[in-house]
């Protein structure tokens, strides 16, 4: 099992979730976050904005679904055809165990 963590622009959240859902991945957790990338924020005039709003989307999946999920996120989270800085990141991590609280069962 894997945990996909995608940090995306807030205006891309609904598109990413719709694409994931149409690909068969309906379960996701969303968290509003702030942060900055390698550019250390955005400078506009003399002002530096280093707490840029993003959305963290978490999706727990089977290992075999990794490519489909990443493809779905990349397809919809990118700004324009070429993308631009600030479009976000995708992190993939292994999950050792998962339990459904209501049933007490293991696994996704």
Protein backbone atom coordinates (compact mmCIF):
# COMPACT_ATOMS: atom_id res chain seq x y z
CA UNK A 1 0.00 0.00 0.00
CA UNK A 2 1.09 3.55 -0.70
CA UNK A 3 0.19 7.02 0.51
CA UNK A 4 0.15 9.66 -2.20
CA UNK A 5 0.46 13.21 -0.89
CA UNK A 6 -0.16 15.86 -3.52
CA UNK A 7 0.30 19.54 -2.75
CA UNK A 8 -1.65 21.52 -5.35
CA UNK A 9 -2.92 25.02 -6.00
CA UNK A 10 -6.30 25.62 -4.30
CA UNK A 11 -7.98 26.39 -7.62
CA UNK A 12 -6.89 22.97 -8.95
CA UNK A 13 -8.30 20.94 -6.04
CA UNK A 14 -11.74 20.27 -7.55
CA UNK A 15 -10.24 19.32 -10.93
CA UNK A 16 -7.79 16.90 -9.32
CA UNK A 17 -10.50 15.30 -7.16
CA UNK A 18 -12.84 14.95 -10.15
CA UNK A 19 -10.11 13.31 -12.23
CA UNK A 20 -9.18 10.94 -9.41
CA UNK A 21 -12.84 10.03 -8.94
CA UNK A 22 -13.35 9.39 -12.66
CA UNK A 23 -10.30 7.11 -12.56
CA UNK A 24 -11.92 5.13 -9.73
CA UNK A 25 -10.17 6.69 -6.75
CA UNK A 26 -12.97 8.28 -4.72
CA UNK A 27 -11.45 8.24 -1.24
CA UNK A 28 -9.27 11.26 -0.44
CA UNK A 29 -8.48 13.56 2.44
CA UNK A 30 -7.95 17.28 1.84
CA UNK A 31 -6.20 19.74 4.11
CA UNK A 32 -5.70 23.46 3.52
CA UNK A 33 -2.02 24.26 4.06
CA UNK A 34 0.42 27.12 3.50
CA UNK A 35 4.02 26.92 2.46
CA UNK A 36 6.70 27.96 0.03
CA UNK A 37 8.88 26.23 -2.51
CA UNK A 38 12.44 26.57 -3.67
CA UNK A 39 11.77 30.16 -4.72
CA UNK A 40 11.25 31.10 -1.04
CA UNK A 41 7.86 32.60 -1.76
CA UNK A 42 6.73 35.28 -4.17
CA UNK A 43 8.09 38.82 -4.28
CA UNK A 44 5.66 41.48 -5.48
CA UNK A 45 7.16 44.93 -5.37
CA UNK A 46 8.95 45.19 -2.04
CA UNK A 47 6.71 42.62 -0.35
CA UNK A 48 7.64 38.94 0.01
CA UNK A 49 4.81 36.43 0.44
CA UNK A 50 6.19 33.21 1.88
CA UNK A 51 2.98 31.63 3.17
CA UNK A 52 1.34 30.64 -0.08
CA UNK A 53 -2.00 28.80 0.20
CA UNK A 54 -2.08 25.23 -1.12
CA UNK A 55 -4.21 22.12 -0.66
CA UNK A 56 -2.75 18.81 0.51
CA UNK A 57 -4.59 15.83 -0.99
CA UNK A 58 -3.92 12.44 0.58
CA UNK A 59 -4.87 9.20 -1.18
CA UNK A 60 -4.16 5.70 0.15
CA UNK A 61 -3.86 3.16 -2.68
CA UNK A 62 -2.63 -0.26 -3.65
CA UNK A 63 0.91 -0.30 -5.09
CA UNK A 64 -0.42 -1.30 -8.52
CA UNK A 65 -2.49 1.92 -8.75
CA UNK A 66 0.47 4.29 -8.31
CA UNK A 67 0.99 5.16 -11.97
CA UNK A 68 -2.73 5.80 -12.61
CA UNK A 69 -3.06 8.09 -9.58
CA UNK A 70 0.10 10.06 -10.35
CA UNK A 71 -0.95 10.42 -14.00
CA UNK A 72 -4.37 11.73 -12.94
CA UNK A 73 -2.85 14.31 -10.58
CA UNK A 74 -0.22 15.47 -13.07
CA UNK A 75 -2.85 15.80 -15.80
CA UNK A 76 -5.07 18.15 -13.80
CA UNK A 77 -2.82 19.97 -11.30
CA UNK A 78 -0.53 21.53 -13.90
CA UNK A 79 -1.13 25.17 -14.85
CA UNK A 80 -1.37 25.46 -18.63
CA UNK A 81 0.26 23.07 -21.08
CA UNK A 82 3.78 23.59 -19.78
CA UNK A 83 3.08 24.12 -16.08
CA UNK A 84 4.73 26.74 -13.92
CA UNK A 85 6.54 27.03 -10.61
CA UNK A 86 4.15 26.73 -7.69
CA UNK A 87 2.04 23.99 -9.31
CA UNK A 88 2.95 21.69 -6.42
CA UNK A 89 4.60 18.37 -5.60
CA UNK A 90 3.62 14.72 -5.33
CA UNK A 91 5.15 12.54 -2.61
CA UNK A 92 4.84 8.75 -2.53
CA UNK A 93 5.35 6.86 0.74
CA UNK A 94 4.81 3.25 1.80
CA UNK A 95 2.03 2.41 4.25
CA UNK A 96 2.78 -0.43 6.64
CA UNK A 97 -0.74 -1.01 7.97
CA UNK A 98 -4.25 0.38 7.63
CA UNK A 99 -7.32 -0.27 9.79
CA UNK A 100 -10.94 0.72 9.31
CA UNK A 101 -12.04 2.02 12.68
CA UNK A 102 -15.77 1.23 12.38
CA UNK A 103 -15.20 -2.45 11.53
CA UNK A 104 -11.79 -3.00 13.05
CA UNK A 105 -10.62 -4.64 9.81
CA UNK A 106 -7.16 -4.38 8.30
CA UNK A 107 -6.45 -3.20 4.74
CA UNK A 108 -7.90 -0.68 2.37
